[in-house]
N, C-alpha and C. Protein backbone atom coordinates (compact mmCIF):
# COMPACT_ATOMS: atom_id res chain seq x y z
N MET A 1 54.31 -29.43 -45.47
CA MET A 1 53.26 -28.43 -45.70
C MET A 1 53.91 -27.04 -45.79
N SER A 2 53.38 -26.21 -46.65
CA SER A 2 53.90 -24.85 -46.86
C SER A 2 53.61 -23.96 -45.66
N THR A 3 54.39 -22.90 -45.55
CA THR A 3 54.18 -21.90 -44.51
C THR A 3 53.63 -20.62 -45.13
N ALA A 4 53.14 -19.74 -44.28
CA ALA A 4 52.65 -18.43 -44.74
C ALA A 4 53.74 -17.69 -45.49
N ARG A 5 54.96 -17.76 -45.01
CA ARG A 5 56.09 -17.07 -45.65
C ARG A 5 56.28 -17.56 -47.09
N GLU A 6 56.05 -18.85 -47.32
CA GLU A 6 56.27 -19.44 -48.64
C GLU A 6 55.18 -19.09 -49.65
N ILE A 7 53.98 -18.81 -49.19
CA ILE A 7 52.88 -18.54 -50.13
C ILE A 7 52.46 -17.08 -50.19
N MET A 8 52.98 -16.25 -49.29
CA MET A 8 52.57 -14.85 -49.19
C MET A 8 53.07 -14.02 -50.36
N THR A 9 52.45 -12.88 -50.54
CA THR A 9 52.94 -11.83 -51.42
C THR A 9 53.78 -10.92 -50.53
N SER A 10 55.05 -10.77 -50.88
CA SER A 10 55.95 -10.03 -49.98
C SER A 10 56.06 -8.55 -50.30
N ASP A 11 55.63 -8.15 -51.46
CA ASP A 11 55.72 -6.73 -51.85
C ASP A 11 54.49 -6.00 -51.30
N VAL A 12 54.59 -5.53 -50.06
CA VAL A 12 53.44 -4.93 -49.38
C VAL A 12 53.64 -3.43 -49.23
N THR A 13 52.62 -2.68 -49.61
CA THR A 13 52.62 -1.24 -49.42
C THR A 13 51.64 -0.92 -48.30
N CYS A 14 52.09 -0.12 -47.34
CA CYS A 14 51.24 0.31 -46.23
C CYS A 14 50.73 1.72 -46.49
N VAL A 15 49.66 2.05 -45.82
CA VAL A 15 49.27 3.44 -45.66
C VAL A 15 49.59 3.78 -44.21
N GLY A 16 50.21 4.91 -43.99
CA GLY A 16 50.55 5.31 -42.63
C GLY A 16 49.32 5.69 -41.83
N GLU A 17 49.36 5.42 -40.55
CA GLU A 17 48.20 5.71 -39.71
C GLU A 17 47.84 7.20 -39.71
N ASN A 18 48.80 8.07 -40.00
CA ASN A 18 48.53 9.50 -40.04
C ASN A 18 48.32 10.05 -41.45
N GLU A 19 48.36 9.16 -42.44
CA GLU A 19 48.03 9.58 -43.80
C GLU A 19 46.52 9.59 -43.94
N THR A 20 46.03 10.37 -44.89
CA THR A 20 44.59 10.50 -45.04
C THR A 20 44.00 9.32 -45.80
N VAL A 21 42.71 9.17 -45.66
CA VAL A 21 41.96 8.15 -46.40
C VAL A 21 42.06 8.43 -47.91
N ALA A 22 42.13 9.69 -48.29
CA ALA A 22 42.30 10.03 -49.71
C ALA A 22 43.62 9.47 -50.23
N VAL A 23 44.68 9.55 -49.44
CA VAL A 23 45.98 8.98 -49.82
C VAL A 23 45.85 7.45 -49.93
N ALA A 24 45.16 6.84 -48.97
CA ALA A 24 44.96 5.39 -49.01
C ALA A 24 44.22 4.99 -50.28
N ALA A 25 43.18 5.74 -50.63
CA ALA A 25 42.40 5.43 -51.84
C ALA A 25 43.27 5.56 -53.09
N GLN A 26 44.12 6.58 -53.13
CA GLN A 26 44.99 6.77 -54.29
C GLN A 26 46.01 5.63 -54.40
N LYS A 27 46.56 5.22 -53.25
CA LYS A 27 47.50 4.08 -53.27
C LYS A 27 46.80 2.82 -53.77
N MET A 28 45.57 2.58 -53.31
CA MET A 28 44.82 1.41 -53.77
C MET A 28 44.61 1.47 -55.28
N ALA A 29 44.24 2.63 -55.78
CA ALA A 29 44.02 2.79 -57.22
C ALA A 29 45.32 2.56 -57.99
N ASP A 30 46.40 3.13 -57.52
CA ASP A 30 47.70 2.98 -58.20
C ASP A 30 48.16 1.52 -58.23
N LEU A 31 47.90 0.80 -57.14
CA LEU A 31 48.35 -0.59 -57.02
C LEU A 31 47.34 -1.60 -57.57
N GLY A 32 46.11 -1.14 -57.81
CA GLY A 32 45.06 -2.04 -58.27
C GLY A 32 44.64 -3.04 -57.21
N VAL A 33 44.56 -2.59 -55.96
CA VAL A 33 44.18 -3.45 -54.84
C VAL A 33 42.97 -2.87 -54.12
N GLY A 34 42.30 -3.69 -53.32
CA GLY A 34 41.12 -3.25 -52.60
C GLY A 34 41.33 -3.07 -51.12
N SER A 35 42.56 -3.28 -50.66
CA SER A 35 42.85 -3.08 -49.23
C SER A 35 44.33 -2.80 -49.05
N LEU A 36 44.62 -2.15 -47.93
CA LEU A 36 46.00 -1.87 -47.56
C LEU A 36 46.16 -2.05 -46.05
N PRO A 37 47.34 -2.50 -45.63
CA PRO A 37 47.62 -2.49 -44.20
C PRO A 37 47.83 -1.05 -43.73
N ILE A 38 47.42 -0.79 -42.51
CA ILE A 38 47.67 0.50 -41.87
C ILE A 38 48.85 0.29 -40.95
N CYS A 39 49.94 1.02 -41.21
CA CYS A 39 51.15 0.86 -40.41
C CYS A 39 51.37 2.11 -39.56
N GLY A 40 51.79 1.89 -38.33
CA GLY A 40 52.02 2.99 -37.41
C GLY A 40 53.40 3.59 -37.55
N ASP A 41 53.59 4.71 -36.90
CA ASP A 41 54.89 5.37 -36.87
C ASP A 41 55.93 4.48 -36.19
N ASP A 42 55.46 3.51 -35.39
CA ASP A 42 56.34 2.57 -34.70
C ASP A 42 56.62 1.33 -35.54
N ASP A 43 56.22 1.37 -36.83
CA ASP A 43 56.40 0.26 -37.76
C ASP A 43 55.60 -0.99 -37.40
N ARG A 44 54.59 -0.83 -36.59
CA ARG A 44 53.73 -1.96 -36.25
C ARG A 44 52.41 -1.85 -37.01
N LEU A 45 51.85 -3.00 -37.33
CA LEU A 45 50.57 -3.06 -38.02
C LEU A 45 49.46 -2.58 -37.09
N LYS A 46 48.68 -1.63 -37.55
CA LYS A 46 47.58 -1.08 -36.75
C LYS A 46 46.23 -1.64 -37.19
N GLY A 47 46.15 -2.11 -38.43
CA GLY A 47 44.90 -2.63 -38.95
C GLY A 47 44.96 -2.70 -40.46
N MET A 48 43.79 -2.90 -41.05
CA MET A 48 43.65 -2.93 -42.50
C MET A 48 42.56 -1.95 -42.88
N VAL A 49 42.70 -1.34 -44.04
CA VAL A 49 41.66 -0.47 -44.57
C VAL A 49 41.28 -1.02 -45.94
N THR A 50 39.99 -1.11 -46.19
CA THR A 50 39.49 -1.61 -47.47
C THR A 50 38.76 -0.51 -48.22
N ASP A 51 38.59 -0.74 -49.51
CA ASP A 51 37.81 0.22 -50.28
C ASP A 51 36.39 0.33 -49.72
N ARG A 52 35.87 -0.76 -49.23
CA ARG A 52 34.53 -0.76 -48.62
C ARG A 52 34.51 0.11 -47.36
N ASP A 53 35.55 0.03 -46.53
CA ASP A 53 35.65 0.89 -45.35
C ASP A 53 35.56 2.36 -45.74
N ILE A 54 36.28 2.72 -46.79
CA ILE A 54 36.30 4.11 -47.24
C ILE A 54 34.92 4.56 -47.68
N VAL A 55 34.23 3.70 -48.42
CA VAL A 55 32.88 4.06 -48.89
C VAL A 55 31.89 4.13 -47.74
N ILE A 56 31.84 3.09 -46.91
CA ILE A 56 30.82 2.98 -45.85
C ILE A 56 31.10 3.89 -44.66
N ARG A 57 32.35 3.94 -44.22
CA ARG A 57 32.67 4.63 -42.98
C ARG A 57 33.12 6.08 -43.16
N VAL A 58 33.37 6.47 -44.41
CA VAL A 58 33.81 7.84 -44.66
C VAL A 58 32.84 8.54 -45.61
N ILE A 59 32.82 8.13 -46.86
CA ILE A 59 32.03 8.83 -47.88
C ILE A 59 30.54 8.80 -47.57
N ALA A 60 30.00 7.63 -47.24
CA ALA A 60 28.56 7.51 -46.99
C ALA A 60 28.12 8.31 -45.76
N LYS A 61 29.07 8.60 -44.87
CA LYS A 61 28.75 9.39 -43.67
C LYS A 61 29.03 10.87 -43.88
N GLY A 62 29.34 11.26 -45.13
CA GLY A 62 29.55 12.67 -45.44
C GLY A 62 30.87 13.23 -44.95
N ARG A 63 31.81 12.35 -44.59
CA ARG A 63 33.11 12.81 -44.12
C ARG A 63 34.03 13.06 -45.32
N ASP A 64 34.95 13.96 -45.17
CA ASP A 64 35.88 14.30 -46.24
C ASP A 64 37.11 13.38 -46.15
N PRO A 65 37.34 12.55 -47.18
CA PRO A 65 38.49 11.63 -47.16
C PRO A 65 39.83 12.33 -47.00
N LYS A 66 39.88 13.62 -47.33
CA LYS A 66 41.13 14.38 -47.18
C LYS A 66 41.38 14.80 -45.73
N ASN A 67 40.34 14.64 -44.88
CA ASN A 67 40.46 15.05 -43.48
C ASN A 67 40.37 13.89 -42.50
N VAL A 68 40.20 12.68 -43.01
CA VAL A 68 40.10 11.50 -42.13
C VAL A 68 41.41 10.73 -42.23
N LYS A 69 42.00 10.45 -41.10
CA LYS A 69 43.25 9.70 -41.06
C LYS A 69 42.96 8.20 -41.19
N ALA A 70 43.83 7.49 -41.89
CA ALA A 70 43.66 6.05 -42.08
C ALA A 70 43.59 5.33 -40.73
N GLY A 71 44.37 5.79 -39.77
CA GLY A 71 44.37 5.17 -38.45
C GLY A 71 43.02 5.19 -37.76
N GLU A 72 42.15 6.14 -38.13
CA GLU A 72 40.81 6.20 -37.55
C GLU A 72 39.96 5.01 -37.98
N LEU A 73 40.33 4.36 -39.06
CA LEU A 73 39.56 3.22 -39.57
C LEU A 73 40.05 1.89 -39.03
N ALA A 74 41.19 1.89 -38.35
CA ALA A 74 41.70 0.66 -37.74
C ALA A 74 40.82 0.31 -36.54
N GLN A 75 40.36 -0.93 -36.51
CA GLN A 75 39.46 -1.35 -35.43
C GLN A 75 40.03 -2.54 -34.69
N GLY A 76 40.21 -2.41 -33.40
CA GLY A 76 40.67 -3.53 -32.59
C GLY A 76 42.03 -4.04 -33.01
N LYS A 77 42.35 -5.23 -32.54
CA LYS A 77 43.64 -5.86 -32.87
C LYS A 77 43.51 -6.52 -34.24
N PRO A 78 44.44 -6.23 -35.15
CA PRO A 78 44.34 -6.83 -36.48
C PRO A 78 44.54 -8.35 -36.44
N VAL A 79 43.82 -9.04 -37.29
CA VAL A 79 43.98 -10.48 -37.43
C VAL A 79 45.20 -10.72 -38.30
N THR A 80 46.16 -11.50 -37.80
CA THR A 80 47.41 -11.75 -38.52
C THR A 80 47.76 -13.23 -38.46
N ILE A 81 48.80 -13.58 -39.17
CA ILE A 81 49.35 -14.94 -39.13
C ILE A 81 50.86 -14.81 -38.99
N GLY A 82 51.46 -15.72 -38.28
CA GLY A 82 52.91 -15.75 -38.16
C GLY A 82 53.56 -16.25 -39.44
N ALA A 83 54.71 -15.75 -39.75
CA ALA A 83 55.40 -16.09 -41.00
C ALA A 83 55.66 -17.60 -41.12
N ASP A 84 55.90 -18.26 -40.02
CA ASP A 84 56.24 -19.68 -40.07
C ASP A 84 55.07 -20.60 -39.76
N ASP A 85 53.86 -20.02 -39.61
CA ASP A 85 52.66 -20.85 -39.43
C ASP A 85 52.36 -21.57 -40.73
N ASP A 86 51.88 -22.80 -40.62
CA ASP A 86 51.62 -23.58 -41.83
C ASP A 86 50.29 -23.21 -42.47
N THR A 87 50.07 -23.73 -43.66
CA THR A 87 48.88 -23.36 -44.42
C THR A 87 47.59 -23.84 -43.75
N THR A 88 47.66 -24.88 -42.94
CA THR A 88 46.48 -25.30 -42.19
C THR A 88 46.04 -24.17 -41.26
N GLU A 89 47.01 -23.54 -40.59
CA GLU A 89 46.70 -22.42 -39.70
C GLU A 89 46.23 -21.21 -40.49
N VAL A 90 46.80 -20.98 -41.66
CA VAL A 90 46.34 -19.89 -42.53
C VAL A 90 44.86 -20.10 -42.85
N LEU A 91 44.50 -21.31 -43.29
CA LEU A 91 43.10 -21.61 -43.62
C LEU A 91 42.20 -21.44 -42.41
N ARG A 92 42.61 -21.96 -41.27
CA ARG A 92 41.81 -21.87 -40.04
C ARG A 92 41.58 -20.41 -39.64
N THR A 93 42.64 -19.61 -39.73
CA THR A 93 42.53 -18.20 -39.33
C THR A 93 41.64 -17.42 -40.29
N MET A 94 41.84 -17.61 -41.59
CA MET A 94 41.01 -16.91 -42.58
C MET A 94 39.54 -17.29 -42.41
N ALA A 95 39.28 -18.59 -42.29
CA ALA A 95 37.90 -19.05 -42.16
C ALA A 95 37.28 -18.59 -40.84
N GLY A 96 38.04 -18.71 -39.77
CA GLY A 96 37.52 -18.35 -38.44
C GLY A 96 37.19 -16.87 -38.30
N HIS A 97 37.94 -16.02 -38.98
CA HIS A 97 37.72 -14.58 -38.89
C HIS A 97 37.03 -14.01 -40.13
N LYS A 98 36.74 -14.89 -41.10
CA LYS A 98 36.06 -14.50 -42.33
C LYS A 98 36.78 -13.36 -43.04
N VAL A 99 38.09 -13.55 -43.24
CA VAL A 99 38.89 -12.54 -43.93
C VAL A 99 39.47 -13.13 -45.21
N ARG A 100 39.62 -12.29 -46.20
CA ARG A 100 40.16 -12.72 -47.50
C ARG A 100 41.64 -12.38 -47.64
N ARG A 101 42.14 -11.54 -46.75
CA ARG A 101 43.55 -11.14 -46.77
C ARG A 101 44.07 -11.18 -45.35
N LEU A 102 45.25 -11.75 -45.20
CA LEU A 102 45.80 -11.96 -43.87
C LEU A 102 47.24 -11.43 -43.83
N PRO A 103 47.47 -10.37 -43.05
CA PRO A 103 48.84 -9.86 -42.91
C PRO A 103 49.74 -10.91 -42.27
N VAL A 104 50.96 -11.02 -42.78
CA VAL A 104 51.94 -11.98 -42.27
C VAL A 104 52.96 -11.20 -41.45
N ILE A 105 53.15 -11.65 -40.21
CA ILE A 105 54.01 -10.95 -39.25
C ILE A 105 55.19 -11.85 -38.88
N ASP A 106 56.37 -11.25 -38.84
CA ASP A 106 57.56 -11.93 -38.34
C ASP A 106 58.03 -11.10 -37.16
N GLY A 107 57.84 -11.62 -35.96
CA GLY A 107 58.06 -10.82 -34.75
C GLY A 107 56.94 -9.80 -34.66
N HIS A 108 57.30 -8.52 -34.81
CA HIS A 108 56.28 -7.46 -34.85
C HIS A 108 56.26 -6.77 -36.20
N GLN A 109 57.03 -7.28 -37.15
CA GLN A 109 57.17 -6.61 -38.44
C GLN A 109 56.28 -7.26 -39.50
N LEU A 110 55.56 -6.42 -40.23
CA LEU A 110 54.76 -6.88 -41.37
C LEU A 110 55.70 -7.23 -42.51
N ILE A 111 55.61 -8.48 -42.99
CA ILE A 111 56.51 -8.89 -44.08
C ILE A 111 55.76 -9.32 -45.34
N GLY A 112 54.44 -9.42 -45.25
CA GLY A 112 53.69 -9.84 -46.43
C GLY A 112 52.20 -9.95 -46.16
N ILE A 113 51.49 -10.39 -47.18
CA ILE A 113 50.05 -10.61 -47.09
C ILE A 113 49.74 -11.94 -47.76
N VAL A 114 48.90 -12.75 -47.13
CA VAL A 114 48.38 -13.94 -47.78
C VAL A 114 46.94 -13.63 -48.16
N ALA A 115 46.66 -13.73 -49.45
CA ALA A 115 45.30 -13.53 -49.96
C ALA A 115 44.73 -14.89 -50.35
N VAL A 116 43.42 -14.93 -50.53
CA VAL A 116 42.76 -16.16 -50.95
C VAL A 116 43.42 -16.70 -52.23
N ALA A 117 43.79 -15.80 -53.14
CA ALA A 117 44.43 -16.23 -54.38
C ALA A 117 45.76 -16.94 -54.10
N ASP A 118 46.51 -16.48 -53.11
CA ASP A 118 47.77 -17.15 -52.75
C ASP A 118 47.50 -18.56 -52.24
N VAL A 119 46.46 -18.69 -51.43
CA VAL A 119 46.06 -20.00 -50.89
C VAL A 119 45.63 -20.90 -52.04
N ALA A 120 44.85 -20.37 -52.97
CA ALA A 120 44.37 -21.16 -54.09
C ALA A 120 45.51 -21.70 -54.95
N ARG A 121 46.55 -20.91 -55.13
CA ARG A 121 47.71 -21.35 -55.92
C ARG A 121 48.52 -22.43 -55.18
N ALA A 122 48.50 -22.39 -53.86
CA ALA A 122 49.38 -23.26 -53.07
C ALA A 122 48.74 -24.57 -52.62
N LEU A 123 47.42 -24.62 -52.58
CA LEU A 123 46.75 -25.79 -51.99
C LEU A 123 45.81 -26.48 -52.97
N PRO A 124 45.47 -27.73 -52.68
CA PRO A 124 44.49 -28.44 -53.51
C PRO A 124 43.12 -27.77 -53.45
N ASP A 125 42.28 -28.10 -54.40
CA ASP A 125 40.97 -27.46 -54.54
C ASP A 125 40.07 -27.57 -53.31
N ARG A 126 39.99 -28.71 -52.69
CA ARG A 126 39.03 -28.92 -51.60
C ARG A 126 39.21 -27.95 -50.43
N PRO A 127 40.41 -27.80 -49.87
CA PRO A 127 40.55 -26.85 -48.76
C PRO A 127 40.23 -25.41 -49.19
N VAL A 128 40.55 -25.07 -50.41
CA VAL A 128 40.27 -23.72 -50.90
C VAL A 128 38.76 -23.51 -51.02
N GLY A 129 38.06 -24.51 -51.53
CA GLY A 129 36.60 -24.42 -51.62
C GLY A 129 35.96 -24.27 -50.25
N ASP A 130 36.47 -25.02 -49.28
CA ASP A 130 35.95 -24.92 -47.91
C ASP A 130 36.20 -23.52 -47.35
N LEU A 131 37.37 -22.94 -47.65
CA LEU A 131 37.68 -21.58 -47.20
C LEU A 131 36.72 -20.58 -47.81
N ILE A 132 36.49 -20.67 -49.10
CA ILE A 132 35.58 -19.74 -49.77
C ILE A 132 34.18 -19.85 -49.16
N ASP A 133 33.72 -21.05 -48.91
CA ASP A 133 32.42 -21.23 -48.26
C ASP A 133 32.39 -20.57 -46.89
N ALA A 134 33.46 -20.73 -46.11
CA ALA A 134 33.50 -20.20 -44.75
C ALA A 134 33.51 -18.67 -44.73
N ILE A 135 34.27 -18.04 -45.62
CA ILE A 135 34.34 -16.58 -45.56
C ILE A 135 33.21 -15.91 -46.30
N SER A 136 32.47 -16.68 -47.09
CA SER A 136 31.35 -16.09 -47.85
C SER A 136 30.03 -16.20 -47.12
N SER A 137 29.97 -16.96 -46.07
CA SER A 137 28.68 -17.13 -45.37
C SER A 137 28.51 -16.14 -44.24
C-alpha cells in the first residue's frame, strides 16, 4: 500500500504566520490554489488558511486583509498525516475530519500536502467515492 509521502504534492508554499491575509490571498491567486499552510517562524505548521476563511472571517466581517495576520486564522491544532502513514490512514483522517487537503509532516517539518485529487490518482474508485461522500456530508 502507498504512503502519504508517495502520493503527496511536495512543492508546498506556506504563508508565514506574520504575513497578512492579503499576502496569503495573492499567493493563492499566483499559485491557483484555494488554501495554504500557515507556517510559523519556528518552521512548524500552525494551521491552514482557505479562500473561504478569508472571505468569511475577514472580508465579510469588515476587516482589512492588509491588517490581519494569517496566523490569526489558524485554529487549534492542525490536522496532519505522517509522511510514512499508509493511504488507509490518509483516507481515515480526511474522512474523519472532513478535510480535502491534509498537510504531510515528517517529524515536525511540513514536507507536502495530500489533496483529494492525489488520493483519486493513487487509489481505486470505491475508496475515493467513500471519501468524497464522507467529506461532503
